[in-house]
Amino acid sequence: MDGKMLARLGAVIFVAIAITATVIEMTRKDDPAPASTAPALQPPTDPLRATLRRCQQLGETATSDPACLAAWAESRDRFLGRTPAQTAPRQNEEQ
């Protein structure tokens, strides 16, 4: 066998295998995933989150609202990992 004939034979075999794999893949039936019956877990509601949402709705007037100022301070403390007792000491205590 010469080189051309061997190359043609290899190409025909490759195409035959590719067609067979395609036909097998197209005739395969996909089973639908089973439906989950477990209820979705709802995290407990956070009153701070609701307060922050309310302050967001107030817009610029929230800067003078004492409840919003307290909510922002608590949110900041949570973010920084501080408890209310860990806040900086007041300036008046030294005098």
C-alpha atoms as a PDB file:
ATOM      1  CA  MET A   1       0.000   0.000   0.000  1.00  0.00           C
ATOM      2  CA  ASP A   2       1.233   3.388  -0.839  1.00  0.00           C
ATOM      3  CA  GLY A   3       0.998   6.464   1.433  1.00  0.00           C
ATOM      4  CA  LYS A   4      -2.049   8.028  -0.266  1.00  0.00           C
ATOM      5  CA  MET A   5      -4.118   4.888   0.082  1.00  0.00           C
ATOM      6  CA  LEU A   6      -3.174   4.527   3.754  1.00  0.00           C
ATOM      7  CA  ALA A   7      -4.109   8.163   4.445  1.00  0.00           C
ATOM      8  CA  ARG A   8      -7.489   7.749   2.737  1.00  0.00           C
ATOM      9  CA  LEU A   9      -8.199   4.560   4.669  1.00  0.00           C
ATOM     10  CA  GLY A  10      -7.351   6.339   7.939  1.00  0.00           C
ATOM     11  CA  ALA A  11      -9.594   9.269   7.063  1.00  0.00           C
ATOM     12  CA  VAL A  12     -12.522   6.968   6.207  1.00  0.00           C
ATOM     13  CA  ILE A  13     -12.111   5.065   9.493  1.00  0.00           C
ATOM     14  CA  PHE A  14     -11.924   8.343  11.446  1.00  0.00           C
ATOM     15  CA  VAL A  15     -15.101   9.702   9.783  1.00  0.00           C
ATOM     16  CA  ALA A  16     -16.919   6.414  10.403  1.00  0.00           C
ATOM     17  CA  ILE A  17     -16.031   6.518  14.107  1.00  0.00           C
ATOM     18  CA  ALA A  18     -17.058  10.188  14.354  1.00  0.00           C
ATOM     19  CA  ILE A  19     -20.424   9.497  12.703  1.00  0.00           C
ATOM     20  CA  THR A  20     -21.042   6.501  14.978  1.00  0.00           C
ATOM     21  CA  ALA A  21     -20.257   8.548  18.116  1.00  0.00           C
ATOM     22  CA  THR A  22     -22.559  11.341  16.915  1.00  0.00           C
ATOM     23  CA  VAL A  23     -25.449   8.947  16.255  1.00  0.00           C
ATOM     24  CA  ILE A  24     -25.023   7.330  19.679  1.00  0.00           C
ATOM     25  CA  GLU A  25     -24.983  10.736  21.392  1.00  0.00           C
ATOM     26  CA  MET A  26     -28.056  11.964  19.497  1.00  0.00           C
ATOM     27  CA  THR A  27     -30.126   8.877  20.319  1.00  0.00           C
ATOM     28  CA  ARG A  28     -29.259   8.948  24.027  1.00  0.00           C
ATOM     29  CA  LYS A  29     -32.193  10.006  26.221  1.00  0.00           C
ATOM     30  CA  ASP A  30     -31.334  12.385  29.016  1.00  0.00           C
ATOM     31  CA  ASP A  31     -33.095  11.623  32.266  1.00  0.00           C
ATOM     32  CA  PRO A  32     -34.416  14.757  33.953  1.00  0.00           C
ATOM     33  CA  ALA A  33     -32.845  15.608  37.269  1.00  0.00           C
ATOM     34  CA  PRO A  34     -34.952  14.520  40.234  1.00  0.00           C
ATOM     35  CA  ALA A  35     -36.902  17.343  41.805  1.00  0.00           C
ATOM     36  CA  SER A  36     -35.710  18.470  45.190  1.00  0.00           C
ATOM     37  CA  THR A  37     -38.338  17.911  47.864  1.00  0.00           C
ATOM     38  CA  ALA A  38     -36.420  19.549  50.708  1.00  0.00           C
ATOM     39  CA  PRO A  39     -37.768  22.975  51.638  1.00  0.00           C
ATOM     40  CA  ALA A  40     -35.478  25.923  51.078  1.00  0.00           C
ATOM     41  CA  LEU A  41     -33.963  27.244  54.280  1.00  0.00           C
ATOM     42  CA  GLN A  42     -34.862  30.814  55.075  1.00  0.00           C
ATOM     43  CA  PRO A  43     -32.310  32.657  57.167  1.00  0.00           C
ATOM     44  CA  PRO A  44     -33.723  34.334  60.253  1.00  0.00           C
ATOM     45  CA  THR A  45     -34.781  37.898  59.640  1.00  0.00           C
ATOM     46  CA  ASP A  46     -32.369  40.536  60.859  1.00  0.00           C
ATOM     47  CA  PRO A  47     -34.008  43.639  62.360  1.00  0.00           C
ATOM     48  CA  LEU A  48     -30.853  45.637  61.620  1.00  0.00           C
ATOM     49  CA  ARG A  49     -31.211  44.849  57.928  1.00  0.00           C
ATOM     50  CA  ALA A  50     -34.807  46.109  57.947  1.00  0.00           C
ATOM     51  CA  THR A  51     -33.723  49.298  59.710  1.00  0.00           C
ATOM     52  CA  LEU A  52     -30.924  49.876  57.212  1.00  0.00           C
ATOM     53  CA  ARG A  53     -33.385  49.405  54.341  1.00  0.00           C
ATOM     54  CA  ARG A  54     -35.705  51.979  55.922  1.00  0.00           C
ATOM     55  CA  CYS A  55     -32.790  54.406  56.282  1.00  0.00           C
ATOM     56  CA  GLN A  56     -31.885  53.829  52.653  1.00  0.00           C
ATOM     57  CA  GLN A  57     -35.436  54.762  51.667  1.00  0.00           C
ATOM     58  CA  LEU A  58     -35.238  57.978  53.719  1.00  0.00           C
ATOM     59  CA  GLY A  59     -32.315  59.238  51.693  1.00  0.00           C
ATOM     60  CA  GLU A  60     -30.565  62.377  52.931  1.00  0.00           C
ATOM     61  CA  THR A  61     -32.948  62.868  55.858  1.00  0.00           C
ATOM     62  CA  ALA A  62     -31.562  59.671  57.390  1.00  0.00           C
ATOM     63  CA  THR A  63     -28.387  61.544  58.396  1.00  0.00           C
ATOM     64  CA  SER A  64     -30.343  63.336  61.128  1.00  0.00           C
ATOM     65  CA  ASP A  65     -32.435  60.332  62.222  1.00  0.00           C
ATOM     66  CA  PRO A  66     -31.133  58.891  65.534  1.00  0.00           C
ATOM     67  CA  ALA A  67     -32.382  55.372  64.692  1.00  0.00           C
ATOM     68  CA  CYS A  68     -30.446  55.414  61.420  1.00  0.00           C
ATOM     69  CA  LEU A  69     -27.312  56.707  63.106  1.00  0.00           C
ATOM     70  CA  ALA A  70     -27.528  53.896  65.674  1.00  0.00           C
ATOM     71  CA  ALA A  71     -28.166  51.305  62.954  1.00  0.00           C
ATOM     72  CA  TRP A  72     -25.142  52.507  60.966  1.00  0.00           C
ATOM     73  CA  ALA A  73     -22.974  52.352  64.081  1.00  0.00           C
ATOM     74  CA  GLU A  74     -24.119  48.793  64.809  1.00  0.00           C
ATOM     75  CA  SER A  75     -23.549  47.764  61.203  1.00  0.00           C
ATOM     76  CA  ARG A  76     -20.061  49.265  61.283  1.00  0.00           C
ATOM     77  CA  ASP A  77     -19.287  47.446  64.535  1.00  0.00           C
ATOM     78  CA  ARG A  78     -20.480  44.151  63.072  1.00  0.00           C
ATOM     79  CA  PHE A  79     -18.345  44.657  59.985  1.00  0.00           C
ATOM     80  CA  LEU A  80     -15.251  45.478  62.012  1.00  0.00           C
ATOM     81  CA  GLY A  81     -15.911  42.610  64.421  1.00  0.00           C
ATOM     82  CA  ARG A  82     -16.220  44.841  67.456  1.00  0.00           C
ATOM     83  CA  THR A  83     -18.636  44.544  70.324  1.00  0.00           C
ATOM     84  CA  PRO A  84     -20.131  47.790  71.650  1.00  0.00           C
ATOM     85  CA  ALA A  85     -17.723  47.650  74.639  1.00  0.00           C
ATOM     86  CA  GLN A  86     -14.694  47.682  72.304  1.00  0.00           C
ATOM     87  CA  THR A  87     -15.424  51.097  70.857  1.00  0.00           C
ATOM     88  CA  ALA A  88     -12.900  53.893  71.353  1.00  0.00           C
ATOM     89  CA  PRO A  89     -12.901  55.633  74.766  1.00  0.00           C
ATOM     90  CA  ARG A  90     -14.423  59.075  74.944  1.00  0.00           C
ATOM     91  CA  GLN A  91     -12.270  62.198  75.057  1.00  0.00           C
ATOM     92  CA  ASN A  92     -14.073  63.596  78.176  1.00  0.00           C
ATOM     93  CA  GLU A  93     -13.087  60.652  80.403  1.00  0.00           C
ATOM     94  CA  GLU A  94      -9.427  61.752  80.563  1.00  0.00           C
ATOM     95  CA  GLN A  95     -10.153  65.189  82.067  1.00  0.00           C
END
